Every structure is written in C-alpha cells, then in structure tokens.
C-alpha cells in the first residue's frame, strides 16, 4: 500500500463517518441537471507526505500524473489563464469564448511586483529566494487576490504555496519542503490530482535549486465529498492498494522553465480500475 493510499482511505473514512452535511443549507454548486450539489465535509484536514521516501500517487485508481503536471506547468511555468495553452479539458467549463478563465491562476503568477532586487513575478521570486535566501521565512506565493476576484471565472481553490528549507544532519544538500493551502477541495475528483501536482513542483524546484526533496504538507480548509460521490468513494476505499510508483526527473534539466511532462520518469505504476464519468458540480 502506498502511503498516499493510506492517507486517502483514512481521510475519506473520517469525512464519511464524522463529517457534517450541507444538505438543505444555502450552497452555490449545482449538478448538470440544476439540482443543488450538497456535500459531507470536514474542516481543516492536514495531510503530510514525505517526498524523500515515496512519490504520493494514489493506487486505488490511477492518477494521470502527466496530465496533472501539465496543468501545474500551465499555471507555474506558462503562467497562462487560457485553456488553449492546456492539453487537458479540466478548465473548459470555466472558460469564455476566447478560452480565458479571467484573472485567475496563471494570470496572477504572471503579474510582476516590485522588490528591492527589481521587478519579478511570484514564481521567479520563489526561485530567486531559494537560490539566494534559502532560509528566508518569506518564500511563498498567493493567487487569491481580492482586487481581482470579480474578474475570475472561478476563485482559486489551491491558492498558496509556502516553501521552507531545512538542513538534514549528515546531508550536503539543503532540503526543500512546501505547504499547499487549499480553501476547498472535491476529494474524489481532485485530491490526488493536486497532491501529485505539487509534489512534482517541489521535485522540480529542488532540482533546479540543487536541493533534496522533503515534505509536502497539504492543508485543506473544506475537504468535502459530494452527495453523488459518496457511494463511489465507499467502493474506492475498499479496493486493494498497490505499492507507490517510482518517480524521478530528467537530471539534465537545470532551469525550471525547461521542464516538460516528458521529463517525468514514472515506473511500476500499478493501480485499480479507473472511475469514469464522475459527475462534477459547477
């Protein structure tokens, strides 16, 4: 069993057994048929993944790691808010006729800010500090910008990364850790998708900054399972899990902006049957 499987099973069991329901409350999301999409949820879920020990891909069902990473690079590397720059179709429902999702996600990463070292966007600032000020406690990003919310087609769910560098005794290289803050998460549809995205991001940044990978801490304010997902999740967490896949990156890449999904080396990824046509609340 991968550690990601154990965390996922424990989290889902806790939500189902101890979560609170939003049924008959005032909620925003609706199903495709127009009925309100209620959830059972837990507040303040915190999961920790030690990336130095294992790559946190779910094996109860397969996570399409390269597609997930393509979306992460769309935000962090391309800094795009247009779905025409994205290979998957996960954002199609929120795009306008030109493909834009408004001033959300990649748009916020592209905005340059004035620092004493010069004008930089948030990604370049993170890389600059990891290389020049690794023990700073200010290495973070934030795309939940209130001034621009009215021009976002969807408010950011995963909205902030905080990076923290440590030094392991006996190790020559520093260790890169990160905290992913998420205001809301559809556990069935998106949990492991986001986990593998930001695990790979830490791997990439560690490589280009000549560090080792450490922990990914995932903080979810509202961790929920939709009413039409509960039976699917109950079946999913009874499946037989497998060992985690192996993971590495093309070691020749030294610039974050040179990475592509072809640089991901994933081995021995055995997983349960895929779940198709998961209903998505919008």
C-alpha atoms as a PDB file:
ATOM      1  CA  UNK A   1       0.000   0.000   0.000  1.00  0.00           C
ATOM      2  CA  UNK A   2       1.313   3.438  -0.876  1.00  0.00           C
ATOM      3  CA  UNK A   3       1.288   5.985   1.945  1.00  0.00           C
ATOM      4  CA  UNK A   4      -0.925   8.186  -0.247  1.00  0.00           C
ATOM      5  CA  UNK A   5      -3.477   5.365  -0.293  1.00  0.00           C
ATOM      6  CA  UNK A   6      -3.438   5.089   3.493  1.00  0.00           C
ATOM      7  CA  UNK A   7      -3.937   8.831   3.956  1.00  0.00           C
ATOM      8  CA  UNK A   8      -6.710   8.874   1.373  1.00  0.00           C
ATOM      9  CA  UNK A   9      -8.560   5.928   2.927  1.00  0.00           C
ATOM     10  CA  UNK A  10      -8.270   7.394   6.442  1.00  0.00           C
ATOM     11  CA  UNK A  11      -9.362  10.863   5.277  1.00  0.00           C
ATOM     12  CA  UNK A  12     -12.373   9.608   3.336  1.00  0.00           C
ATOM     13  CA  UNK A  13     -13.439   7.318   6.171  1.00  0.00           C
ATOM     14  CA  UNK A  14     -13.243  10.224   8.617  1.00  0.00           C
ATOM     15  CA  UNK A  15     -15.252  12.530   6.347  1.00  0.00           C
ATOM     16  CA  UNK A  16     -17.974   9.930   5.768  1.00  0.00           C
ATOM     17  CA  UNK A  17     -18.194   8.839   9.408  1.00  0.00           C
ATOM     18  CA  UNK A  18     -17.605  12.147  11.189  1.00  0.00           C
ATOM     19  CA  UNK A  19     -18.215  14.898   8.660  1.00  0.00           C
ATOM     20  CA  UNK A  20     -21.065  17.376   8.671  1.00  0.00           C
ATOM     21  CA  UNK A  21     -23.635  17.621   5.879  1.00  0.00           C
ATOM     22  CA  UNK A  22     -24.600  20.747   3.958  1.00  0.00           C
ATOM     23  CA  UNK A  23     -27.909  19.231   2.854  1.00  0.00           C
ATOM     24  CA  UNK A  24     -30.693  21.843   2.742  1.00  0.00           C
ATOM     25  CA  UNK A  25     -28.214  24.614   3.501  1.00  0.00           C
ATOM     26  CA  UNK A  26     -27.545  27.528   1.143  1.00  0.00           C
ATOM     27  CA  UNK A  27     -24.865  26.269  -1.248  1.00  0.00           C
ATOM     28  CA  UNK A  28     -23.536  27.562  -4.577  1.00  0.00           C
ATOM     29  CA  UNK A  29     -22.641  24.463  -6.663  1.00  0.00           C
ATOM     30  CA  UNK A  30     -25.233  22.695  -8.800  1.00  0.00           C
ATOM     31  CA  UNK A  31     -25.279  19.459 -10.750  1.00  0.00           C
ATOM     32  CA  UNK A  32     -25.765  19.460 -14.504  1.00  0.00           C
ATOM     33  CA  UNK A  33     -29.478  18.802 -14.024  1.00  0.00           C
ATOM     34  CA  UNK A  34     -29.814  22.013 -11.989  1.00  0.00           C
ATOM     35  CA  UNK A  35     -30.229  20.464  -8.539  1.00  0.00           C
ATOM     36  CA  UNK A  36     -28.059  21.728  -5.698  1.00  0.00           C
ATOM     37  CA  UNK A  37     -24.884  19.762  -5.009  1.00  0.00           C
ATOM     38  CA  UNK A  38     -24.617  19.068  -1.281  1.00  0.00           C
ATOM     39  CA  UNK A  39     -21.581  17.666   0.485  1.00  0.00           C
ATOM     40  CA  UNK A  40     -20.399  15.932   3.599  1.00  0.00           C
ATOM     41  CA  UNK A  41     -17.288  17.710   4.807  1.00  0.00           C
ATOM     42  CA  UNK A  42     -14.548  18.088   7.372  1.00  0.00           C
ATOM     43  CA  UNK A  43     -12.867  21.344   8.319  1.00  0.00           C
ATOM     44  CA  UNK A  44      -9.103  21.717   8.491  1.00  0.00           C
ATOM     45  CA  UNK A  45      -7.728  18.474   7.075  1.00  0.00           C
ATOM     46  CA  UNK A  46      -3.913  18.320   7.128  1.00  0.00           C
ATOM     47  CA  UNK A  47      -2.002  15.586   5.270  1.00  0.00           C
ATOM     48  CA  UNK A  48       1.788  15.220   5.245  1.00  0.00           C
ATOM     49  CA  UNK A  49       3.740  13.433   2.508  1.00  0.00           C
ATOM     50  CA  UNK A  50       7.468  12.709   2.845  1.00  0.00           C
ATOM     51  CA  UNK A  51       8.623  13.004  -0.751  1.00  0.00           C
ATOM     52  CA  UNK A  52      12.072  11.699   0.133  1.00  0.00           C
ATOM     53  CA  UNK A  53      10.524   8.324   0.946  1.00  0.00           C
ATOM     54  CA  UNK A  54       7.795   7.872  -1.649  1.00  0.00           C
ATOM     55  CA  UNK A  55       6.002   9.552  -4.524  1.00  0.00           C
ATOM     56  CA  UNK A  56       2.418  10.193  -3.328  1.00  0.00           C
ATOM     57  CA  UNK A  57       0.391   8.798  -6.221  1.00  0.00           C
ATOM     58  CA  UNK A  58      -2.858   7.008  -5.403  1.00  0.00           C
ATOM     59  CA  UNK A  59      -3.008   3.366  -6.495  1.00  0.00           C
ATOM     60  CA  UNK A  60      -6.649   2.668  -5.576  1.00  0.00           C
ATOM     61  CA  UNK A  61      -7.260   4.179  -9.010  1.00  0.00           C
ATOM     62  CA  UNK A  62      -4.808   5.716 -11.429  1.00  0.00           C
ATOM     63  CA  UNK A  63      -3.986   9.404 -11.289  1.00  0.00           C
ATOM     64  CA  UNK A  64      -2.974  10.749 -14.691  1.00  0.00           C
ATOM     65  CA  UNK A  65       0.237  12.273 -13.410  1.00  0.00           C
ATOM     66  CA  UNK A  66       1.446  13.834 -16.663  1.00  0.00           C
ATOM     67  CA  UNK A  67      -1.929  15.488 -17.282  1.00  0.00           C
ATOM     68  CA  UNK A  68      -1.932  16.826 -13.731  1.00  0.00           C
ATOM     69  CA  UNK A  69       1.588  18.176 -14.141  1.00  0.00           C
ATOM     70  CA  UNK A  70       0.672  19.750 -17.480  1.00  0.00           C
ATOM     71  CA  UNK A  71      -1.954  21.788 -15.624  1.00  0.00           C
ATOM     72  CA  UNK A  72       0.558  22.731 -12.919  1.00  0.00           C
ATOM     73  CA  UNK A  73       3.054  23.903 -15.543  1.00  0.00           C
ATOM     74  CA  UNK A  74       0.251  25.812 -17.290  1.00  0.00           C
ATOM     75  CA  UNK A  75      -0.061  27.862 -14.090  1.00  0.00           C
ATOM     76  CA  UNK A  76       3.507  27.971 -12.764  1.00  0.00           C
ATOM     77  CA  UNK A  77       5.601  27.867 -15.919  1.00  0.00           C
ATOM     78  CA  UNK A  78       3.453  29.169 -18.786  1.00  0.00           C
ATOM     79  CA  UNK A  79       1.610  31.472 -16.358  1.00  0.00           C
ATOM     80  CA  UNK A  80      -1.393  31.214 -18.626  1.00  0.00           C
ATOM     81  CA  UNK A  81      -5.090  31.738 -17.992  1.00  0.00           C
ATOM     82  CA  UNK A  82      -6.160  30.415 -21.398  1.00  0.00           C
ATOM     83  CA  UNK A  83      -7.276  26.824 -21.876  1.00  0.00           C
ATOM     84  CA  UNK A  84      -5.845  26.790 -25.403  1.00  0.00           C
ATOM     85  CA  UNK A  85      -2.427  26.504 -23.713  1.00  0.00           C
ATOM     86  CA  UNK A  86      -3.577  23.442 -21.760  1.00  0.00           C
ATOM     87  CA  UNK A  87      -3.659  19.854 -23.052  1.00  0.00           C
ATOM     88  CA  UNK A  88      -6.470  18.587 -20.797  1.00  0.00           C
ATOM     89  CA  UNK A  89     -10.058  19.797 -20.654  1.00  0.00           C
ATOM     90  CA  UNK A  90     -10.426  20.245 -16.894  1.00  0.00           C
ATOM     91  CA  UNK A  91     -10.991  24.001 -17.242  1.00  0.00           C
ATOM     92  CA  UNK A  92     -13.337  24.013 -20.236  1.00  0.00           C
ATOM     93  CA  UNK A  93     -16.472  24.715 -18.187  1.00  0.00           C
ATOM     94  CA  UNK A  94     -14.990  27.919 -16.739  1.00  0.00           C
ATOM     95  CA  UNK A  95     -13.542  29.396 -19.938  1.00  0.00           C
ATOM     96  CA  UNK A  96     -15.127  32.121 -22.032  1.00  0.00           C
ATOM     97  CA  UNK A  97     -15.495  32.079 -25.834  1.00  0.00           C
ATOM     98  CA  UNK A  98     -11.832  33.049 -26.187  1.00  0.00           C
ATOM     99  CA  UNK A  99     -10.584  30.354 -23.820  1.00  0.00           C
ATOM    100  CA  UNK A 100      -9.810  32.721 -20.937  1.00  0.00           C
ATOM    101  CA  UNK A 101     -10.649  31.946 -17.294  1.00  0.00           C
ATOM    102  CA  UNK A 102     -10.155  35.583 -16.345  1.00  0.00           C
ATOM    103  CA  UNK A 103      -7.635  36.990 -13.887  1.00  0.00           C
ATOM    104  CA  UNK A 104      -7.183  33.640 -12.177  1.00  0.00           C
ATOM    105  CA  UNK A 105      -4.386  31.144 -11.563  1.00  0.00           C
ATOM    106  CA  UNK A 106      -1.679  31.646 -14.218  1.00  0.00           C
ATOM    107  CA  UNK A 107      -2.632  35.278 -14.710  1.00  0.00           C
ATOM    108  CA  UNK A 108      -1.745  36.021 -11.089  1.00  0.00           C
ATOM    109  CA  UNK A 109       1.569  34.204 -11.457  1.00  0.00           C
ATOM    110  CA  UNK A 110       2.434  36.376 -14.460  1.00  0.00           C
ATOM    111  CA  UNK A 111       1.998  39.718 -12.667  1.00  0.00           C
ATOM    112  CA  UNK A 112       5.329  41.343 -11.872  1.00  0.00           C
ATOM    113  CA  UNK A 113       5.814  43.000  -8.481  1.00  0.00           C
ATOM    114  CA  UNK A 114       8.421  45.484  -7.305  1.00  0.00           C
ATOM    115  CA  UNK A 115      11.049  44.117  -4.927  1.00  0.00           C
ATOM    116  CA  UNK A 116      14.278  45.750  -3.821  1.00  0.00           C
ATOM    117  CA  UNK A 117      16.068  43.367  -6.205  1.00  0.00           C
ATOM    118  CA  UNK A 118      13.871  44.503  -9.126  1.00  0.00           C
ATOM    119  CA  UNK A 119      10.640  43.536 -10.859  1.00  0.00           C
ATOM    120  CA  UNK A 120       9.749  39.850 -10.576  1.00  0.00           C
ATOM    121  CA  UNK A 121       6.653  37.683 -10.734  1.00  0.00           C
ATOM    122  CA  UNK A 122       5.860  35.282  -7.898  1.00  0.00           C
ATOM    123  CA  UNK A 123       7.455  32.212  -9.480  1.00  0.00           C
ATOM    124  CA  UNK A 124      10.703  33.966 -10.287  1.00  0.00           C
ATOM    125  CA  UNK A 125      10.754  35.416  -6.777  1.00  0.00           C
ATOM    126  CA  UNK A 126      10.448  31.928  -5.263  1.00  0.00           C
ATOM    127  CA  UNK A 127      13.310  30.622  -7.396  1.00  0.00           C
ATOM    128  CA  UNK A 128      15.437  33.694  -6.643  1.00  0.00           C
ATOM    129  CA  UNK A 129      14.972  33.300  -2.889  1.00  0.00           C
ATOM    130  CA  UNK A 130      15.547  29.543  -2.891  1.00  0.00           C
ATOM    131  CA  UNK A 131      18.869  30.140  -4.600  1.00  0.00           C
ATOM    132  CA  UNK A 132      19.918  33.297  -2.739  1.00  0.00           C
ATOM    133  CA  UNK A 133      17.989  33.370   0.569  1.00  0.00           C
ATOM    134  CA  UNK A 134      17.078  29.721   1.224  1.00  0.00           C
ATOM    135  CA  UNK A 135      16.462  30.195   4.953  1.00  0.00           C
ATOM    136  CA  UNK A 136      14.073  33.093   4.430  1.00  0.00           C
ATOM    137  CA  UNK A 137      10.674  32.569   6.045  1.00  0.00           C
ATOM    138  CA  UNK A 138       9.021  34.649   3.321  1.00  0.00           C
ATOM    139  CA  UNK A 139       9.212  32.304   0.326  1.00  0.00           C
ATOM    140  CA  UNK A 140       5.595  31.983  -0.708  1.00  0.00           C
ATOM    141  CA  UNK A 141       3.005  32.604  -3.413  1.00  0.00           C
ATOM    142  CA  UNK A 142      -0.607  33.772  -3.169  1.00  0.00           C
ATOM    143  CA  UNK A 143      -3.072  33.933  -6.055  1.00  0.00           C
ATOM    144  CA  UNK A 144      -6.204  34.726  -4.020  1.00  0.00           C
ATOM    145  CA  UNK A 145      -6.153  38.427  -4.862  1.00  0.00           C
ATOM    146  CA  UNK A 146      -9.329  40.112  -3.644  1.00  0.00           C
ATOM    147  CA  UNK A 147      -8.983  43.051  -6.029  1.00  0.00           C
ATOM    148  CA  UNK A 148      -9.271  40.656  -8.985  1.00  0.00           C
ATOM    149  CA  UNK A 149     -11.866  38.164  -7.720  1.00  0.00           C
ATOM    150  CA  UNK A 150     -14.688  39.804  -9.679  1.00  0.00           C
ATOM    151  CA  UNK A 151     -12.729  39.132 -12.888  1.00  0.00           C
ATOM    152  CA  UNK A 152     -12.012  35.459 -12.133  1.00  0.00           C
ATOM    153  CA  UNK A 153     -14.279  32.839 -13.693  1.00  0.00           C
ATOM    154  CA  UNK A 154     -13.536  30.620 -10.682  1.00  0.00           C
ATOM    155  CA  UNK A 155     -11.988  31.672  -7.392  1.00  0.00           C
ATOM    156  CA  UNK A 156      -8.698  29.802  -6.761  1.00  0.00           C
ATOM    157  CA  UNK A 157      -9.080  26.586  -4.773  1.00  0.00           C
ATOM    158  CA  UNK A 158      -5.385  25.799  -4.275  1.00  0.00           C
ATOM    159  CA  UNK A 159      -4.310  29.370  -3.664  1.00  0.00           C
ATOM    160  CA  UNK A 160      -0.991  29.470  -1.816  1.00  0.00           C
ATOM    161  CA  UNK A 161       2.343  27.690  -1.556  1.00  0.00           C
ATOM    162  CA  UNK A 162       4.775  28.350   1.278  1.00  0.00           C
ATOM    163  CA  UNK A 163       8.289  26.977   0.862  1.00  0.00           C
ATOM    164  CA  UNK A 164      10.602  26.239   3.758  1.00  0.00           C
ATOM    165  CA  UNK A 165      14.170  24.993   3.584  1.00  0.00           C
ATOM    166  CA  UNK A 166      15.767  22.758   6.218  1.00  0.00           C
ATOM    167  CA  UNK A 167      19.127  21.026   6.632  1.00  0.00           C
ATOM    168  CA  UNK A 168      19.288  17.329   7.460  1.00  0.00           C
ATOM    169  CA  UNK A 169      22.194  16.235   9.610  1.00  0.00           C
ATOM    170  CA  UNK A 170      24.812  14.476   7.524  1.00  0.00           C
ATOM    171  CA  UNK A 171      23.412  15.699   4.193  1.00  0.00           C
ATOM    172  CA  UNK A 172      25.402  18.000   1.926  1.00  0.00           C
ATOM    173  CA  UNK A 173      22.351  19.461   0.215  1.00  0.00           C
ATOM    174  CA  UNK A 174      19.551  21.508   1.731  1.00  0.00           C
ATOM    175  CA  UNK A 175      16.015  20.085   1.855  1.00  0.00           C
ATOM    176  CA  UNK A 176      13.044  21.792   0.197  1.00  0.00           C
ATOM    177  CA  UNK A 177       9.635  21.492   1.882  1.00  0.00           C
ATOM    178  CA  UNK A 178       6.329  23.059   0.923  1.00  0.00           C
ATOM    179  CA  UNK A 179       2.864  23.749   2.303  1.00  0.00           C
ATOM    180  CA  UNK A 180      -0.060  23.784  -0.129  1.00  0.00           C
ATOM    181  CA  UNK A 181      -3.018  25.776   1.189  1.00  0.00           C
ATOM    182  CA  UNK A 182      -6.387  24.980  -0.310  1.00  0.00           C
ATOM    183  CA  UNK A 183      -9.650  26.685   0.640  1.00  0.00           C
ATOM    184  CA  UNK A 184     -11.843  23.914  -0.785  1.00  0.00           C
ATOM    185  CA  UNK A 185     -11.412  20.501  -2.351  1.00  0.00           C
ATOM    186  CA  UNK A 186     -13.624  17.968  -4.111  1.00  0.00           C
ATOM    187  CA  UNK A 187     -11.912  14.916  -2.605  1.00  0.00           C
ATOM    188  CA  UNK A 188     -12.932  12.350  -5.226  1.00  0.00           C
ATOM    189  CA  UNK A 189     -12.274  14.457  -8.302  1.00  0.00           C
ATOM    190  CA  UNK A 190      -9.271  16.498  -7.257  1.00  0.00           C
ATOM    191  CA  UNK A 191      -7.439  15.335  -4.129  1.00  0.00           C
ATOM    192  CA  UNK A 192      -4.655  13.208  -5.544  1.00  0.00           C
ATOM    193  CA  UNK A 193      -4.563  15.306  -8.713  1.00  0.00           C
ATOM    194  CA  UNK A 194      -3.460  18.301  -6.606  1.00  0.00           C
ATOM    195  CA  UNK A 195      -1.147  16.229  -4.416  1.00  0.00           C
ATOM    196  CA  UNK A 196       0.880  14.872  -7.334  1.00  0.00           C
ATOM    197  CA  UNK A 197       0.972  18.317  -8.997  1.00  0.00           C
ATOM    198  CA  UNK A 198       2.612  19.997  -6.035  1.00  0.00           C
ATOM    199  CA  UNK A 199       4.802  17.005  -5.220  1.00  0.00           C
ATOM    200  CA  UNK A 200       6.241  17.299  -8.723  1.00  0.00           C
ATOM    201  CA  UNK A 201       6.582  21.079  -8.334  1.00  0.00           C
ATOM    202  CA  UNK A 202       8.710  20.559  -5.203  1.00  0.00           C
ATOM    203  CA  UNK A 203      10.795  17.960  -7.059  1.00  0.00           C
ATOM    204  CA  UNK A 204      11.342  20.389  -9.948  1.00  0.00           C
ATOM    205  CA  UNK A 205      12.240  23.377  -7.792  1.00  0.00           C
ATOM    206  CA  UNK A 206      14.531  21.246  -5.632  1.00  0.00           C
ATOM    207  CA  UNK A 207      16.390  20.004  -8.698  1.00  0.00           C
ATOM    208  CA  UNK A 208      16.947  23.430 -10.260  1.00  0.00           C
ATOM    209  CA  UNK A 209      17.984  24.892  -6.882  1.00  0.00           C
ATOM    210  CA  UNK A 210      20.336  21.965  -6.111  1.00  0.00           C
ATOM    211  CA  UNK A 211      18.324  20.734  -3.127  1.00  0.00           C
ATOM    212  CA  UNK A 212      16.769  17.493  -1.931  1.00  0.00           C
ATOM    213  CA  UNK A 213      13.017  16.992  -1.630  1.00  0.00           C
ATOM    214  CA  UNK A 214      11.431  16.927   1.809  1.00  0.00           C
ATOM    215  CA  UNK A 215       7.807  17.155   2.890  1.00  0.00           C
ATOM    216  CA  UNK A 216       4.666  18.309   1.130  1.00  0.00           C
ATOM    217  CA  UNK A 217       2.080  19.408   3.686  1.00  0.00           C
ATOM    218  CA  UNK A 218      -1.434  19.724   2.259  1.00  0.00           C
ATOM    219  CA  UNK A 219      -3.836  21.907   4.248  1.00  0.00           C
ATOM    220  CA  UNK A 220      -7.496  21.766   3.155  1.00  0.00           C
ATOM    221  CA  UNK A 221      -9.935  24.147   4.829  1.00  0.00           C
ATOM    222  CA  UNK A 222     -13.075  22.484   3.429  1.00  0.00           C
ATOM    223  CA  UNK A 223     -12.440  18.841   2.489  1.00  0.00           C
ATOM    224  CA  UNK A 224     -15.677  17.526   1.044  1.00  0.00           C
ATOM    225  CA  UNK A 225     -17.283  14.572  -0.690  1.00  0.00           C
ATOM    226  CA  UNK A 226     -20.292  15.436  -2.847  1.00  0.00           C
ATOM    227  CA  UNK A 227     -23.567  13.622  -2.229  1.00  0.00           C
ATOM    228  CA  UNK A 228     -23.403  11.884  -5.620  1.00  0.00           C
ATOM    229  CA  UNK A 229     -19.830  10.770  -4.931  1.00  0.00           C
ATOM    230  CA  UNK A 230     -20.334   9.088  -1.558  1.00  0.00           C
ATOM    231  CA  UNK A 231     -21.120   5.598  -2.879  1.00  0.00           C
ATOM    232  CA  UNK A 232     -18.254   5.858  -5.395  1.00  0.00           C
ATOM    233  CA  UNK A 233     -15.827   6.781  -2.602  1.00  0.00           C
ATOM    234  CA  UNK A 234     -17.095   3.987  -0.349  1.00  0.00           C
ATOM    235  CA  UNK A 235     -16.327   1.468  -3.091  1.00  0.00           C
ATOM    236  CA  UNK A 236     -12.990   3.072  -3.925  1.00  0.00           C
ATOM    237  CA  UNK A 237     -11.578   2.863  -0.399  1.00  0.00           C
ATOM    238  CA  UNK A 238     -12.369  -0.866  -0.159  1.00  0.00           C
ATOM    239  CA  UNK A 239     -10.122  -1.688  -3.108  1.00  0.00           C
ATOM    240  CA  UNK A 240      -6.766  -3.432  -2.841  1.00  0.00           C
ATOM    241  CA  UNK A 241      -3.969  -0.852  -2.955  1.00  0.00           C
ATOM    242  CA  UNK A 242      -0.543  -1.342  -4.503  1.00  0.00           C
ATOM    243  CA  UNK A 243       2.948  -0.015  -3.772  1.00  0.00           C
ATOM    244  CA  UNK A 244       3.656   3.556  -4.820  1.00  0.00           C
ATOM    245  CA  UNK A 245       5.234   4.087  -8.240  1.00  0.00           C
ATOM    246  CA  UNK A 246       8.829   5.144  -8.617  1.00  0.00           C
ATOM    247  CA  UNK A 247       9.440   8.742  -9.666  1.00  0.00           C
ATOM    248  CA  UNK A 248      12.331  10.845 -10.869  1.00  0.00           C
ATOM    249  CA  UNK A 249      13.045  13.754 -13.192  1.00  0.00           C
ATOM    250  CA  UNK A 250      15.352  14.099 -16.157  1.00  0.00           C
ATOM    251  CA  UNK A 251      18.561  15.100 -14.314  1.00  0.00           C
ATOM    252  CA  UNK A 252      19.789  17.207 -17.232  1.00  0.00           C
ATOM    253  CA  UNK A 253      17.145  19.906 -16.666  1.00  0.00           C
ATOM    254  CA  UNK A 254      18.631  22.765 -14.632  1.00  0.00           C
ATOM    255  CA  UNK A 255      16.148  25.560 -15.498  1.00  0.00           C
ATOM    256  CA  UNK A 256      12.563  25.371 -14.216  1.00  0.00           C
ATOM    257  CA  UNK A 257      11.279  26.810 -17.493  1.00  0.00           C
ATOM    258  CA  UNK A 258      12.833  23.958 -19.475  1.00  0.00           C
ATOM    259  CA  UNK A 259      10.793  21.195 -17.823  1.00  0.00           C
ATOM    260  CA  UNK A 260       8.117  19.397 -19.849  1.00  0.00           C
ATOM    261  CA  UNK A 261       5.969  16.427 -18.926  1.00  0.00           C
ATOM    262  CA  UNK A 262       8.387  14.303 -20.967  1.00  0.00           C
ATOM    263  CA  UNK A 263      10.948  14.889 -18.197  1.00  0.00           C
ATOM    264  CA  UNK A 264       8.854  12.886 -15.710  1.00  0.00           C
ATOM    265  CA  UNK A 265      10.133   9.325 -15.249  1.00  0.00           C
ATOM    266  CA  UNK A 266       7.393   7.187 -13.676  1.00  0.00           C
ATOM    267  CA  UNK A 267       7.882   3.484 -13.159  1.00  0.00           C
ATOM    268  CA  UNK A 268       5.961   0.473 -11.867  1.00  0.00           C
ATOM    269  CA  UNK A 269       2.660   2.329 -11.516  1.00  0.00           C
ATOM    270  CA  UNK A 270       0.073  -0.348 -10.859  1.00  0.00           C
ATOM    271  CA  UNK A 271      -3.390   0.917  -9.943  1.00  0.00           C
ATOM    272  CA  UNK A 272      -7.006  -0.140  -9.674  1.00  0.00           C
ATOM    273  CA  UNK A 273      -9.665   0.309 -12.313  1.00  0.00           C
ATOM    274  CA  UNK A 274     -10.322   3.871 -13.376  1.00  0.00           C
ATOM    275  CA  UNK A 275     -13.615   5.526 -12.405  1.00  0.00           C
ATOM    276  CA  UNK A 276     -15.217   7.036 -15.487  1.00  0.00           C
ATOM    277  CA  UNK A 277     -17.752   9.824 -15.905  1.00  0.00           C
ATOM    278  CA  UNK A 278     -17.513  11.222 -12.373  1.00  0.00           C
ATOM    279  CA  UNK A 279     -20.256  13.868 -12.086  1.00  0.00           C
ATOM    280  CA  UNK A 280     -18.773  17.312 -11.489  1.00  0.00           C
ATOM    281  CA  UNK A 281     -20.639  20.056  -9.640  1.00  0.00           C
ATOM    282  CA  UNK A 282     -20.220  23.558 -11.022  1.00  0.00           C
END
